[in-house]
N, C-alpha and C. Protein backbone atom coordinates (compact mmCIF):
# COMPACT_ATOMS: atom_id res chain seq x y z
N MET A 1 11.33 9.15 -24.47
CA MET A 1 10.35 10.17 -24.25
C MET A 1 8.91 8.81 -24.56
N ILE A 2 8.83 8.17 -25.69
CA ILE A 2 8.01 7.24 -26.30
C ILE A 2 8.18 6.24 -25.01
N LYS A 3 8.81 5.88 -24.54
CA LYS A 3 8.60 5.03 -23.31
C LYS A 3 8.02 5.41 -22.13
N ARG A 4 8.43 6.58 -22.07
CA ARG A 4 7.31 7.46 -20.72
C ARG A 4 6.32 7.39 -21.29
N GLY A 5 5.62 7.86 -22.33
CA GLY A 5 4.41 8.31 -22.82
C GLY A 5 3.94 6.90 -22.56
N ALA A 6 4.34 5.78 -23.17
CA ALA A 6 3.43 4.77 -23.02
C ALA A 6 3.42 4.02 -21.34
N TRP A 7 4.31 4.53 -20.83
CA TRP A 7 3.93 3.98 -19.22
C TRP A 7 2.87 5.08 -18.57
N PHE A 8 2.87 6.56 -19.21
CA PHE A 8 1.60 7.26 -18.18
C PHE A 8 0.40 6.74 -19.04
N ILE A 9 0.27 6.51 -20.38
CA ILE A 9 -1.15 5.76 -20.57
C ILE A 9 -1.62 4.66 -20.27
N ALA A 10 -0.46 3.64 -19.32
CA ALA A 10 -0.51 2.49 -19.12
C ALA A 10 -1.27 3.06 -17.31
N TYR A 11 -0.54 3.47 -16.96
CA TYR A 11 -0.51 4.16 -15.43
C TYR A 11 -2.38 4.96 -15.63
N TYR A 12 -2.39 5.52 -16.48
CA TYR A 12 -3.89 6.07 -16.62
C TYR A 12 -4.66 5.14 -16.92
N LEU A 13 -4.73 4.43 -17.25
CA LEU A 13 -5.73 3.28 -17.85
C LEU A 13 -6.17 2.53 -16.65
N LEU A 14 -5.13 2.29 -15.71
CA LEU A 14 -5.17 1.45 -14.74
C LEU A 14 -6.04 2.29 -13.60
N TYR A 15 -5.54 3.61 -13.42
CA TYR A 15 -6.42 4.72 -12.77
C TYR A 15 -7.90 4.56 -12.58
N LEU A 16 -8.22 4.47 -14.37
CA LEU A 16 -9.85 4.62 -14.92
C LEU A 16 -10.15 3.39 -14.48
N LEU A 17 -9.83 2.30 -14.51
CA LEU A 17 -10.38 1.12 -14.14
C LEU A 17 -10.56 0.94 -12.74
N VAL A 18 -9.80 1.52 -11.48
CA VAL A 18 -10.12 1.70 -10.41
C VAL A 18 -11.16 2.48 -10.15
N LEU A 19 -11.23 3.82 -11.00
CA LEU A 19 -12.22 4.70 -10.62
C LEU A 19 -13.42 4.05 -10.95
N LEU A 20 -13.35 3.43 -12.36
CA LEU A 20 -14.92 2.80 -12.56
C LEU A 20 -15.16 1.84 -11.97
N CYS A 21 -14.18 0.64 -11.02
CA CYS A 21 -14.58 -0.33 -10.15
C CYS A 21 -15.25 0.60 -8.87
N ARG A 22 -14.78 1.59 -8.39
CA ARG A 22 -15.02 2.37 -7.35
C ARG A 22 -16.80 2.56 -7.42
N ARG A 23 -17.05 2.64 -8.01
CA ARG A 23 -18.41 3.35 -8.73
C ARG A 23 -19.79 2.02 -8.26
N THR A 24 -18.67 0.80 -8.11
CA THR A 24 -19.62 -0.10 -8.34
C THR A 24 -19.67 -0.84 -7.07
N TYR A 25 -18.63 -0.54 -5.61
CA TYR A 25 -18.43 -1.24 -4.61
C TYR A 25 -19.78 -0.68 -3.65
N ARG A 26 -19.70 -1.39 -2.78
CA ARG A 26 -21.03 -1.26 -1.27
C ARG A 26 -20.04 -1.63 -0.61
N PHE A 27 -19.67 -0.71 0.51
CA PHE A 27 -18.88 -0.54 2.02
C PHE A 27 -19.87 -0.77 2.95
N SER A 28 -19.43 -1.22 3.84
CA SER A 28 -20.05 -1.76 5.19
C SER A 28 -18.69 -1.41 6.15
N PHE A 29 -19.32 -1.15 7.25
CA PHE A 29 -18.14 -0.09 8.34
C PHE A 29 -18.44 -0.73 9.53
N SER A 30 -17.31 -0.77 10.32
CA SER A 30 -17.31 -1.69 11.58
C SER A 30 -16.57 -0.86 12.70
N TYR A 31 -16.97 -0.72 13.36
CA TYR A 31 -16.22 0.22 14.34
C TYR A 31 -16.34 -0.47 15.73
N SER A 32 -14.54 0.40 16.15
CA SER A 32 -14.45 -0.21 17.91
C SER A 32 -15.04 0.63 18.86
N PRO A 33 -15.79 -0.05 19.98
CA PRO A 33 -16.48 0.42 21.19
C PRO A 33 -15.82 1.87 21.45
N THR A 34 -14.73 2.30 21.56
CA THR A 34 -14.31 3.47 21.94
C THR A 34 -13.52 4.42 20.52
N TYR A 35 -14.13 3.81 19.38
CA TYR A 35 -13.88 4.91 17.98
C TYR A 35 -13.93 6.26 18.26
N TYR A 36 -15.37 6.55 18.66
CA TYR A 36 -15.70 8.27 18.26
C TYR A 36 -14.81 9.13 20.11
N ARG A 37 -15.05 8.10 20.52
CA ARG A 37 -14.70 8.46 21.53
C ARG A 37 -12.91 8.91 22.27
N GLN A 38 -12.71 8.14 21.32
CA GLN A 38 -11.18 8.66 21.44
C GLN A 38 -10.04 8.04 20.34
N THR A 39 -10.70 8.60 19.49
CA THR A 39 -10.02 8.74 17.88
C THR A 39 -10.11 10.29 17.82
N PRO A 40 -8.95 11.01 18.02
CA PRO A 40 -9.01 12.38 17.58
C PRO A 40 -8.71 12.44 16.35
N ARG A 41 -8.44 13.56 15.77
CA ARG A 41 -7.47 14.19 14.34
C ARG A 41 -6.42 15.15 14.73
N PRO A 42 -5.60 15.24 14.22
CA PRO A 42 -5.17 13.64 13.16
C PRO A 42 -5.05 12.78 13.63
N HIS A 43 -4.62 11.56 13.16
CA HIS A 43 -4.43 9.86 13.44
C HIS A 43 -3.47 9.61 12.13
N ILE A 44 -2.57 8.51 12.73
CA ILE A 44 -2.09 7.57 11.71
C ILE A 44 -3.28 6.25 11.58
N VAL A 45 -3.17 6.45 10.10
CA VAL A 45 -4.40 5.20 10.19
C VAL A 45 -2.69 3.63 9.65
N ALA A 46 -3.09 2.56 10.23
CA ALA A 46 -2.14 1.52 9.81
C ALA A 46 -3.14 0.51 8.71
N VAL A 47 -2.45 0.20 8.19
CA VAL A 47 -3.36 -1.64 7.09
C VAL A 47 -2.03 -2.38 6.80
N TRP A 48 -2.45 -3.42 6.46
CA TRP A 48 -1.56 -4.31 5.83
C TRP A 48 -1.38 -3.44 4.36
N HIS A 49 -0.21 -3.80 3.77
CA HIS A 49 0.10 -3.70 1.88
C HIS A 49 -0.75 -4.34 1.42
N GLN A 50 -1.21 -5.55 1.38
CA GLN A 50 -1.75 -6.19 0.60
C GLN A 50 -3.69 -5.46 0.26
N ASN A 51 -4.04 -4.76 1.51
CA ASN A 51 -5.25 -4.28 1.38
C ASN A 51 -5.60 -2.58 1.17
N ILE A 52 -4.07 -2.20 0.46
CA ILE A 52 -4.02 -0.75 0.06
C ILE A 52 -5.17 0.06 -0.48
N ILE A 53 -5.15 -1.14 -1.67
CA ILE A 53 -6.92 -0.28 -2.62
C ILE A 53 -7.96 -0.36 -1.69
N ALA A 54 -8.74 -1.65 -1.21
CA ALA A 54 -9.87 -1.49 -0.60
C ALA A 54 -9.68 0.10 0.76
N SER A 55 -8.61 -0.04 1.19
CA SER A 55 -8.47 1.05 2.33
C SER A 55 -8.34 2.42 2.03
N VAL A 56 -7.81 2.92 0.55
CA VAL A 56 -8.24 3.82 0.24
C VAL A 56 -9.17 4.20 -0.13
N LEU A 57 -9.82 3.45 -1.02
CA LEU A 57 -11.16 3.45 -1.94
C LEU A 57 -12.62 3.25 -0.86
N CYS A 58 -12.48 3.19 0.26
CA CYS A 58 -12.97 3.54 1.14
C CYS A 58 -13.01 5.14 2.00
N ALA A 59 -12.05 5.60 1.81
CA ALA A 59 -11.95 6.92 2.43
C ALA A 59 -12.40 8.23 1.69
N GLN A 60 -13.51 8.17 1.27
CA GLN A 60 -13.68 8.98 -0.70
C GLN A 60 -14.00 10.26 0.11
N HIS A 61 -14.26 10.96 1.27
CA HIS A 61 -14.28 12.03 1.49
C HIS A 61 -13.12 12.47 2.57
N LYS A 62 -12.35 11.80 2.43
CA LYS A 62 -10.77 12.23 3.51
C LYS A 62 -9.75 12.34 2.56
N SER A 63 -8.58 13.22 2.76
CA SER A 63 -7.45 12.95 1.98
C SER A 63 -6.41 13.11 2.93
N TYR A 64 -5.51 11.91 2.65
CA TYR A 64 -4.46 11.10 3.49
C TYR A 64 -3.04 11.21 3.06
N THR A 65 -2.16 11.70 3.72
CA THR A 65 -0.48 11.59 3.25
C THR A 65 -0.31 10.48 3.61
N MET A 66 0.45 9.63 2.79
CA MET A 66 0.56 8.34 2.13
C MET A 66 2.28 7.96 2.24
N LEU A 67 3.11 7.10 2.51
CA LEU A 67 4.31 6.61 2.22
C LEU A 67 4.19 5.67 1.08
N ALA A 68 4.67 6.03 0.01
CA ALA A 68 4.90 4.74 -0.64
C ALA A 68 6.58 4.43 -1.38
N SER A 69 7.02 3.50 -1.46
CA SER A 69 8.25 3.25 -2.13
C SER A 69 8.67 3.91 -3.07
N SER A 70 10.45 4.40 -3.42
CA SER A 70 10.45 4.72 -4.62
C SER A 70 10.96 3.89 -5.40
N SER A 71 10.22 2.68 -5.75
CA SER A 71 10.15 1.63 -6.59
C SER A 71 9.44 1.69 -7.68
N PRO A 72 9.34 1.01 -9.16
CA PRO A 72 8.06 1.39 -10.13
C PRO A 72 6.84 0.81 -9.23
N ASP A 73 7.01 -0.24 -8.80
CA ASP A 73 5.35 -0.35 -7.82
C ASP A 73 4.74 0.85 -6.88
N GLY A 74 5.97 1.26 -6.58
CA GLY A 74 5.57 3.16 -6.06
C GLY A 74 5.40 3.93 -6.53
N ASP A 75 5.60 4.08 -8.27
CA ASP A 75 5.28 4.75 -9.19
C ASP A 75 3.65 4.46 -9.44
N VAL A 76 3.19 3.25 -9.83
CA VAL A 76 2.18 2.70 -10.23
C VAL A 76 1.03 3.35 -8.54
N ILE A 77 1.52 3.19 -7.20
CA ILE A 77 0.36 3.36 -6.62
C ILE A 77 0.37 4.80 -6.27
N SER A 78 1.46 5.65 -6.59
CA SER A 78 1.60 7.25 -6.06
C SER A 78 0.97 7.63 -7.58
N PHE A 79 0.61 7.42 -8.66
CA PHE A 79 0.13 7.38 -9.12
C PHE A 79 -1.44 7.78 -9.24
N ILE A 80 -2.19 6.74 -8.88
CA ILE A 80 -3.43 6.26 -8.73
C ILE A 80 -3.62 7.13 -7.40
N LEU A 81 -3.11 6.85 -6.47
CA LEU A 81 -3.27 7.42 -5.54
C LEU A 81 -3.43 9.45 -5.24
N GLU A 82 -2.82 10.00 -6.29
CA GLU A 82 -2.93 11.16 -6.06
C GLU A 82 -3.96 11.57 -6.92
N ARG A 83 -4.20 10.86 -7.88
CA ARG A 83 -5.27 10.81 -8.56
C ARG A 83 -6.93 11.01 -7.84
N LEU A 84 -6.70 10.14 -6.94
CA LEU A 84 -7.62 10.09 -6.07
C LEU A 84 -7.92 11.05 -4.68
N GLY A 85 -7.01 12.23 -4.78
CA GLY A 85 -6.84 13.05 -4.14
C GLY A 85 -6.28 13.04 -2.76
N HIS A 86 -4.99 11.93 -2.84
CA HIS A 86 -4.21 12.33 -1.42
C HIS A 86 -2.71 12.50 -1.88
N LYS A 87 -1.83 12.84 -1.04
CA LYS A 87 -0.74 13.62 -0.81
C LYS A 87 0.34 11.92 -1.10
N MET A 88 1.27 11.99 -1.44
CA MET A 88 2.35 10.92 -1.36
C MET A 88 3.62 11.44 -0.91
N VAL A 89 4.35 10.73 0.21
CA VAL A 89 5.26 10.89 0.46
C VAL A 89 6.38 9.55 -0.31
N ARG A 90 7.43 10.04 -0.86
CA ARG A 90 8.14 8.60 -1.42
C ARG A 90 9.33 8.56 -0.96
N GLY A 91 9.79 7.11 -0.60
CA GLY A 91 11.19 6.59 0.18
C GLY A 91 10.59 5.34 0.65
N SER A 92 12.06 4.56 0.99
CA SER A 92 12.08 3.15 2.06
C SER A 92 13.00 3.28 2.52
N SER A 93 13.30 2.17 3.11
CA SER A 93 14.58 2.29 4.10
C SER A 93 15.49 1.91 3.28
N ARG A 94 15.64 1.66 2.14
CA ARG A 94 17.11 1.31 1.21
C ARG A 94 16.93 2.54 0.27
N ARG A 95 16.21 3.65 0.08
CA ARG A 95 16.48 4.70 -0.32
C ARG A 95 15.55 5.90 -0.36
N GLY A 96 15.83 6.88 0.52
CA GLY A 96 15.29 7.96 0.78
C GLY A 96 14.26 7.93 1.98
N GLY A 97 14.94 6.99 2.79
CA GLY A 97 13.65 6.65 3.62
C GLY A 97 13.92 7.58 4.67
N ILE A 98 14.82 8.12 4.67
CA ILE A 98 14.92 9.67 6.22
C ILE A 98 14.49 10.40 5.99
N GLN A 99 14.34 11.09 4.75
CA GLN A 99 13.88 12.40 4.49
C GLN A 99 12.33 12.16 4.10
N ALA A 100 11.73 10.36 3.39
CA ALA A 100 10.47 10.53 3.55
C ALA A 100 9.87 10.70 5.26
N TYR A 101 10.82 10.23 5.79
CA TYR A 101 9.97 9.81 7.34
C TYR A 101 9.88 10.98 7.98
N ARG A 102 11.02 12.42 7.49
CA ARG A 102 10.61 13.95 8.16
C ARG A 102 9.49 14.48 7.28
N ASN A 103 9.07 14.16 6.06
CA ASN A 103 8.09 14.67 5.80
C ASN A 103 7.05 14.13 6.07
N LEU A 104 6.74 12.90 6.55
CA LEU A 104 5.40 12.56 6.77
C LEU A 104 5.19 13.06 8.38
N ILE A 105 6.64 13.54 9.30
CA ILE A 105 6.35 13.83 10.73
C ILE A 105 5.90 15.17 10.29
N HIS A 106 6.41 16.23 9.00
CA HIS A 106 6.08 17.71 9.16
C HIS A 106 4.54 17.61 8.81
N ALA A 107 4.45 16.43 7.90
CA ALA A 107 2.55 16.61 7.61
C ALA A 107 1.98 16.38 8.49
N ALA A 108 2.18 15.80 9.38
CA ALA A 108 1.04 15.52 10.50
C ALA A 108 1.49 16.40 11.35
N GLN A 109 2.27 17.08 11.46
CA GLN A 109 2.41 18.16 12.57
C GLN A 109 1.76 19.55 12.03
N ASN A 110 1.45 19.71 10.37
CA ASN A 110 0.75 20.33 9.91
C ASN A 110 -0.58 20.26 10.11
N GLY A 111 -0.99 19.09 10.42
CA GLY A 111 -2.54 18.77 10.64
C GLY A 111 -3.26 17.61 10.07
N ASP A 112 -2.23 17.06 9.04
CA ASP A 112 -2.76 15.92 8.27
C ASP A 112 -2.79 14.72 8.75
N CYS A 113 -4.06 13.76 8.42
CA CYS A 113 -4.03 12.57 8.67
C CYS A 113 -2.94 11.67 7.96
N THR A 114 -2.18 10.38 8.41
CA THR A 114 -1.03 10.10 7.69
C THR A 114 -1.73 8.72 7.48
N ALA A 115 -1.47 7.82 6.50
CA ALA A 115 -1.56 6.34 6.19
C ALA A 115 -0.21 5.79 6.02
N ILE A 116 0.00 4.57 6.91
CA ILE A 116 1.39 3.67 6.31
C ILE A 116 1.02 2.33 6.29
N THR A 117 1.39 1.39 5.03
CA THR A 117 1.28 0.25 5.34
C THR A 117 2.19 -0.18 6.07
N VAL A 118 1.89 -0.95 7.13
CA VAL A 118 2.86 -1.40 8.05
C VAL A 118 3.92 -2.10 7.85
N ASP A 119 3.65 -3.07 6.51
CA ASP A 119 4.07 -4.65 6.42
C ASP A 119 5.29 -4.13 4.87
N GLY A 120 4.99 -2.70 4.74
CA GLY A 120 5.81 -2.77 3.36
C GLY A 120 6.82 -1.46 3.77
N PRO A 121 7.54 -1.37 2.53
CA PRO A 121 7.06 -1.60 1.11
C PRO A 121 7.67 -3.41 0.82
N THR A 122 8.23 -4.26 1.39
CA THR A 122 9.03 -5.09 0.63
C THR A 122 8.94 -6.47 1.32
N GLY A 123 7.86 -5.88 2.51
CA GLY A 123 7.66 -7.37 3.77
C GLY A 123 8.78 -7.32 4.77
N PRO A 124 8.66 -8.89 5.28
CA PRO A 124 7.47 -9.62 5.45
C PRO A 124 6.31 -9.22 5.59
N ARG A 125 5.14 -10.01 4.90
CA ARG A 125 4.33 -10.16 4.70
C ARG A 125 3.41 -9.81 6.40
N HIS A 126 2.49 -9.03 6.93
CA HIS A 126 1.91 -9.21 8.18
C HIS A 126 3.14 -9.43 9.51
N GLU A 127 3.99 -8.50 9.00
CA GLU A 127 5.20 -8.18 9.97
C GLU A 127 5.10 -6.48 10.29
N VAL A 128 4.64 -6.13 11.40
CA VAL A 128 4.58 -4.48 11.45
C VAL A 128 6.06 -3.95 11.91
N LYS A 129 6.54 -2.77 11.09
CA LYS A 129 7.75 -2.31 11.28
C LYS A 129 7.49 -1.17 12.36
N MET A 130 8.70 -0.86 12.73
CA MET A 130 8.61 0.13 13.97
C MET A 130 8.28 1.48 13.06
N GLY A 131 8.47 1.93 11.64
CA GLY A 131 8.38 3.27 11.25
C GLY A 131 6.80 3.93 11.98
N VAL A 132 5.99 3.12 11.87
CA VAL A 132 4.76 4.19 11.79
C VAL A 132 4.64 3.84 13.88
N LEU A 133 5.32 3.29 14.43
CA LEU A 133 5.47 3.35 16.13
C LEU A 133 6.42 4.50 16.28
N ARG A 134 7.14 4.81 15.28
CA ARG A 134 8.14 6.12 15.92
C ARG A 134 7.12 7.33 15.26
N LEU A 135 6.69 7.44 14.24
CA LEU A 135 6.41 8.26 14.24
C LEU A 135 4.45 8.98 14.73
N ALA A 136 4.24 7.83 15.36
CA ALA A 136 3.04 8.34 16.69
C ALA A 136 4.06 8.79 17.56
N GLN A 137 4.85 8.25 18.03
CA GLN A 137 5.59 8.22 19.27
C GLN A 137 6.10 9.89 18.68
N LYS A 138 6.59 10.48 17.86
CA LYS A 138 7.39 11.81 17.74
C LYS A 138 5.94 12.73 17.82
N THR A 139 5.40 12.45 16.97
CA THR A 139 3.98 13.58 16.51
C THR A 139 2.63 13.50 17.70
N GLY A 140 2.83 12.59 18.92
CA GLY A 140 1.74 12.27 19.72
C GLY A 140 0.50 11.80 19.12
N GLN A 141 0.08 11.37 17.91
CA GLN A 141 -1.07 11.04 17.49
C GLN A 141 -1.25 9.52 17.21
N PRO A 142 -2.66 9.01 17.59
CA PRO A 142 -2.98 7.62 17.65
C PRO A 142 -2.58 7.00 16.41
N ILE A 143 -2.33 5.87 16.46
CA ILE A 143 -2.08 4.98 15.68
C ILE A 143 -3.94 4.31 15.32
N LEU A 144 -4.43 4.05 14.24
CA LEU A 144 -5.64 3.83 13.66
C LEU A 144 -5.82 2.59 13.15
N PRO A 145 -5.80 0.93 13.82
CA PRO A 145 -5.61 -0.22 12.89
C PRO A 145 -6.88 0.08 11.92
N VAL A 146 -6.94 -0.33 10.68
CA VAL A 146 -7.70 -0.19 9.56
C VAL A 146 -7.58 -1.52 8.40
N THR A 147 -8.48 -2.34 8.52
CA THR A 147 -8.59 -3.45 7.72
C THR A 147 -9.94 -3.22 6.60
N ALA A 148 -9.51 -3.11 5.45
CA ALA A 148 -11.05 -3.41 4.47
C ALA A 148 -10.59 -4.45 3.00
N ILE A 149 -11.49 -5.18 3.27
CA ILE A 149 -11.36 -6.48 2.29
C ILE A 149 -12.57 -6.70 1.67
N ALA A 150 -12.27 -7.05 0.12
CA ALA A 150 -13.79 -7.56 -0.38
C ALA A 150 -13.88 -8.80 -0.57
N GLN A 151 -15.31 -8.47 -0.05
CA GLN A 151 -15.96 -10.11 -0.28
C GLN A 151 -14.92 -11.15 -1.37
N HIS A 152 -14.93 -10.50 -2.84
CA HIS A 152 -14.69 -11.28 -3.82
C HIS A 152 -13.42 -10.30 -4.53
N PHE A 153 -12.49 -10.57 -4.48
CA PHE A 153 -11.05 -10.01 -4.90
C PHE A 153 -10.19 -11.04 -5.82
N ILE A 154 -8.98 -10.65 -6.43
CA ILE A 154 -8.75 -11.30 -6.92
C ILE A 154 -7.02 -11.05 -6.35
N ARG A 155 -6.20 -12.52 -6.11
CA ARG A 155 -5.24 -12.36 -5.45
C ARG A 155 -3.64 -12.49 -6.36
N PHE A 156 -3.23 -11.34 -5.94
CA PHE A 156 -1.62 -11.61 -7.32
C PHE A 156 -0.65 -12.30 -6.29
N ASP A 157 0.10 -13.02 -6.85
CA ASP A 157 0.96 -13.50 -6.75
C ASP A 157 2.41 -12.86 -6.48
N SER A 158 2.19 -12.04 -5.26
CA SER A 158 3.28 -11.34 -4.99
C SER A 158 3.61 -11.07 -3.65
N TRP A 159 4.53 -10.68 -3.24
CA TRP A 159 5.41 -10.92 -1.72
C TRP A 159 3.98 -11.05 -0.65
N ASP A 160 3.17 -10.11 -0.82
CA ASP A 160 2.32 -9.19 -0.12
C ASP A 160 0.63 -9.78 -0.16
N HIS A 161 0.55 -11.30 -1.29
CA HIS A 161 -0.64 -11.44 -1.56
C HIS A 161 -1.63 -10.97 -2.07
N PHE A 162 -1.22 -9.51 -2.34
CA PHE A 162 -2.14 -8.13 -2.95
C PHE A 162 -3.45 -8.57 -3.24
N ARG A 163 -4.44 -7.96 -2.90
CA ARG A 163 -6.11 -8.19 -2.98
C ARG A 163 -6.51 -7.08 -4.06
N PHE A 164 -7.08 -7.30 -5.25
CA PHE A 164 -7.59 -6.34 -6.18
C PHE A 164 -9.34 -6.31 -5.89
N PRO A 165 -9.88 -5.72 -5.35
CA PRO A 165 -11.39 -5.91 -5.23
C PRO A 165 -11.98 -6.07 -6.85
N LEU A 166 -13.04 -7.41 -6.92
CA LEU A 166 -13.35 -7.47 -7.99
C LEU A 166 -14.78 -6.35 -8.07
N PRO A 167 -15.29 -6.06 -9.26
CA PRO A 167 -16.08 -5.48 -9.41
C PRO A 167 -17.84 -5.97 -8.59
N PHE A 168 -18.59 -4.48 -7.91
CA PHE A 168 -19.83 -4.75 -7.44
C PHE A 168 -19.40 -5.72 -6.15
N SER A 169 -18.61 -5.74 -5.73
CA SER A 169 -18.06 -6.39 -4.65
C SER A 169 -18.63 -5.29 -3.52
N ARG A 170 -19.07 -6.22 -2.29
CA ARG A 170 -18.69 -5.65 -0.58
C ARG A 170 -18.26 -5.80 -0.34
N ILE A 171 -17.34 -4.60 0.31
CA ILE A 171 -16.25 -4.33 1.20
C ILE A 171 -16.44 -4.03 2.31
N MET A 172 -15.86 -4.96 2.98
CA MET A 172 -16.22 -4.61 4.81
C MET A 172 -14.70 -3.83 5.37
N VAL A 173 -14.95 -2.94 6.42
CA VAL A 173 -13.88 -1.70 6.80
C VAL A 173 -14.30 -1.93 8.04
N CYS A 174 -13.06 -2.54 8.73
CA CYS A 174 -13.29 -2.34 10.16
C CYS A 174 -11.82 -1.12 10.54
N TYR A 175 -12.43 -0.83 11.86
CA TYR A 175 -12.05 0.52 12.61
C TYR A 175 -11.42 -0.06 13.77
N GLY A 176 -10.41 -0.05 14.63
CA GLY A 176 -9.94 -0.56 15.67
C GLY A 176 -9.33 0.22 16.47
N GLU A 177 -9.20 -0.53 18.16
CA GLU A 177 -9.43 0.53 18.64
C GLU A 177 -7.45 1.56 18.85
N PRO A 178 -7.69 2.72 18.97
CA PRO A 178 -6.75 3.42 18.44
C PRO A 178 -5.50 2.89 19.31
N ILE A 179 -4.04 3.49 19.06
CA ILE A 179 -2.84 3.10 20.14
C ILE A 179 -2.61 4.04 20.28
N PHE A 180 -1.95 4.46 21.43
CA PHE A 180 -1.44 5.81 22.45
C PHE A 180 -0.13 5.38 22.37
N ILE A 181 0.58 6.43 22.09
CA ILE A 181 2.07 5.91 22.49
C ILE A 181 2.98 7.41 23.11
N SER A 182 3.54 7.35 23.90
CA SER A 182 3.71 8.63 25.17
C SER A 182 5.27 8.85 24.19
N GLN A 183 6.11 9.96 24.43
CA GLN A 183 7.23 9.86 23.83
C GLN A 183 8.14 9.37 25.26
N GLU A 184 7.63 9.30 26.14
CA GLU A 184 8.29 8.26 27.45
C GLU A 184 8.40 6.91 27.32
N ASP A 185 7.51 6.62 26.60
CA ASP A 185 7.40 5.32 26.05
C ASP A 185 8.49 4.26 25.93
N GLN A 186 9.22 3.38 26.27
CA GLN A 186 10.90 2.60 26.22
C GLN A 186 9.92 1.58 25.47
N ASP A 187 8.88 1.16 25.64
CA ASP A 187 8.39 -0.49 25.34
C ASP A 187 7.64 -0.89 24.16
N LEU A 188 8.60 -0.19 22.77
CA LEU A 188 8.02 -0.11 21.21
C LEU A 188 7.56 -1.34 20.77
N GLU A 189 8.37 -2.49 21.61
CA GLU A 189 7.97 -3.76 21.01
C GLU A 189 6.48 -4.50 21.24
N SER A 190 6.19 -4.14 22.56
CA SER A 190 4.35 -4.57 23.38
C SER A 190 3.71 -4.03 22.33
N LYS A 191 3.77 -2.34 21.78
CA LYS A 191 3.12 -1.84 20.80
C LYS A 191 3.13 -2.16 19.07
N GLN A 192 4.02 -2.86 18.86
CA GLN A 192 4.07 -3.34 17.97
C GLN A 192 3.55 -4.70 17.77
N GLN A 193 3.66 -5.36 18.84
CA GLN A 193 2.73 -6.59 18.98
C GLN A 193 1.08 -6.17 19.33
N GLN A 194 1.00 -5.02 19.84
CA GLN A 194 -0.29 -4.96 19.79
C GLN A 194 -1.07 -4.82 18.86
N LEU A 195 -0.88 -4.01 17.56
CA LEU A 195 -0.76 -3.55 16.53
C LEU A 195 -0.75 -4.52 15.76
N LYS A 196 0.05 -5.58 15.77
CA LYS A 196 -0.26 -6.65 14.74
C LYS A 196 -1.59 -7.65 15.12
N GLU A 197 -1.16 -7.96 16.56
CA GLU A 197 -2.80 -8.94 16.66
C GLU A 197 -4.21 -8.10 16.85
N ILE A 198 -4.28 -6.61 16.41
CA ILE A 198 -5.39 -6.09 16.28
C ILE A 198 -5.44 -6.10 14.71
N LEU A 199 -4.56 -6.05 13.70
CA LEU A 199 -4.70 -6.18 12.42
C LEU A 199 -5.08 -7.38 12.11
N LEU A 200 -4.26 -8.57 12.45
CA LEU A 200 -4.81 -9.94 12.33
C LEU A 200 -5.82 -10.29 13.02
N ALA A 201 -6.19 -9.44 13.57
CA ALA A 201 -7.91 -10.27 14.30
C ALA A 201 -8.74 -9.78 13.47
N GLN A 202 -8.68 -8.52 12.96
CA GLN A 202 -9.56 -8.03 11.98
C GLN A 202 -9.73 -8.67 10.64
N GLU A 203 -8.42 -9.59 10.35
CA GLU A 203 -8.33 -10.20 9.42
C GLU A 203 -9.48 -11.42 9.79
N LYS A 204 -9.50 -11.81 10.35
CA LYS A 204 -10.49 -12.90 10.82
C LYS A 204 -12.06 -12.63 10.93
N GLU A 205 -11.53 -11.17 11.72
CA GLU A 205 -13.27 -10.90 11.67
C GLU A 205 -14.12 -10.55 10.37
N VAL A 206 -13.15 -10.32 9.24
CA VAL A 206 -13.77 -9.67 8.54
C VAL A 206 -15.29 -10.76 7.69
N PRO A 207 -14.91 -11.76 7.71
CA PRO A 207 -15.56 -13.23 6.82
C PRO A 207 -17.01 -12.84 7.77
N LEU A 208 -16.56 -12.94 9.20
CA LEU A 208 -17.97 -12.68 9.84
C LEU A 208 -18.83 -11.92 9.99
N LEU A 209 -18.49 -10.61 9.71
CA LEU A 209 -19.02 -9.25 9.77
C LEU A 209 -19.70 -9.48 7.88
N TRP A 210 -19.60 -10.21 7.03
CA TRP A 210 -20.15 -10.05 5.89
C TRP A 210 -21.36 -10.77 5.42
N GLN A 211 -21.87 -11.62 7.26
CA GLN A 211 -22.82 -12.64 7.17
C GLN A 211 -23.97 -11.92 7.84
N GLN A 212 -23.08 -10.38 8.11
CA GLN A 212 -24.79 -9.44 9.03
C GLN A 212 -24.71 -8.29 8.44
N PRO A 213 -25.84 -7.90 8.42
CA PRO A 213 -26.29 -6.39 7.71
C PRO A 213 -25.98 -5.50 8.75
N LEU A 214 -25.10 -4.18 8.43
CA LEU A 214 -24.59 -3.79 9.26
C LEU A 214 -24.91 -1.81 8.55
N PRO A 215 -25.47 -1.08 9.15
CA PRO A 215 -26.13 0.29 9.10
C PRO A 215 -25.12 1.07 8.02
N PRO A 216 -24.91 1.96 7.33
CA PRO A 216 -24.32 2.82 6.12
C PRO A 216 -23.34 3.45 7.55
N PRO A 217 -22.23 4.02 7.00
CA PRO A 217 -21.70 4.83 7.67
C PRO A 217 -21.59 6.27 7.98
N PRO A 218 -21.38 6.78 8.94
CA PRO A 218 -22.00 8.23 9.48
C PRO A 218 -21.48 9.40 8.17
N ALA A 219 -22.20 10.32 8.22
CA ALA A 219 -21.73 11.16 7.20
C ALA A 219 -20.17 11.95 7.39
N GLU A 220 -19.79 11.86 8.60
CA GLU A 220 -18.17 12.16 8.90
C GLU A 220 -17.60 10.97 9.53
N ARG A 221 -16.23 10.59 8.86
CA ARG A 221 -15.43 9.32 9.27
C ARG A 221 -14.02 9.43 8.76
N PRO A 222 -13.48 9.03 9.28
CA PRO A 222 -11.78 9.24 8.94
C PRO A 222 -11.46 8.63 7.32
């Protein structure tokens, strides 16, 4: 009981740190040319695992249903994200994955926007796994590639090179072209490669966008 209480205090202090830092961040947004015309709701946001904190914090006015692993790392992420207003589904390929996948489908079919770290929870880094593609095919909802990177961050020595944005950083958020997958589509590998290429291209695009003044985001965004 004492150990559990100590972990709760540690998690809560980390949550307060994230909350405090969020108040200091400055967000800038870049949208694909067809973003407003082709991105219906609900949709599935696809991000790299290393960018999850910045990606979540930029969505201050939107609640997502997200997938997190059943590991201790997943406990920390779930604790923070739930208190930021998001819903969590727990599971991975090694533990509870099938039920987690069903819960994501159920949430999407009920009108929730969902979000997945496409190379998580254990990597390899920057390798898109099939789960997000199958979810899109099953629900008929588009995949929206999103990359959010802070201009200044701490990079952890983890499998994903996890990034924690430093206070007072500018965070650039890129929304890519939506990817649609029909139930009749048999070539998921090409969509998998397309999503990977978009996310990697956004990683290269962000440093260039930092040098440009961008307008603030619209009142309504994903």
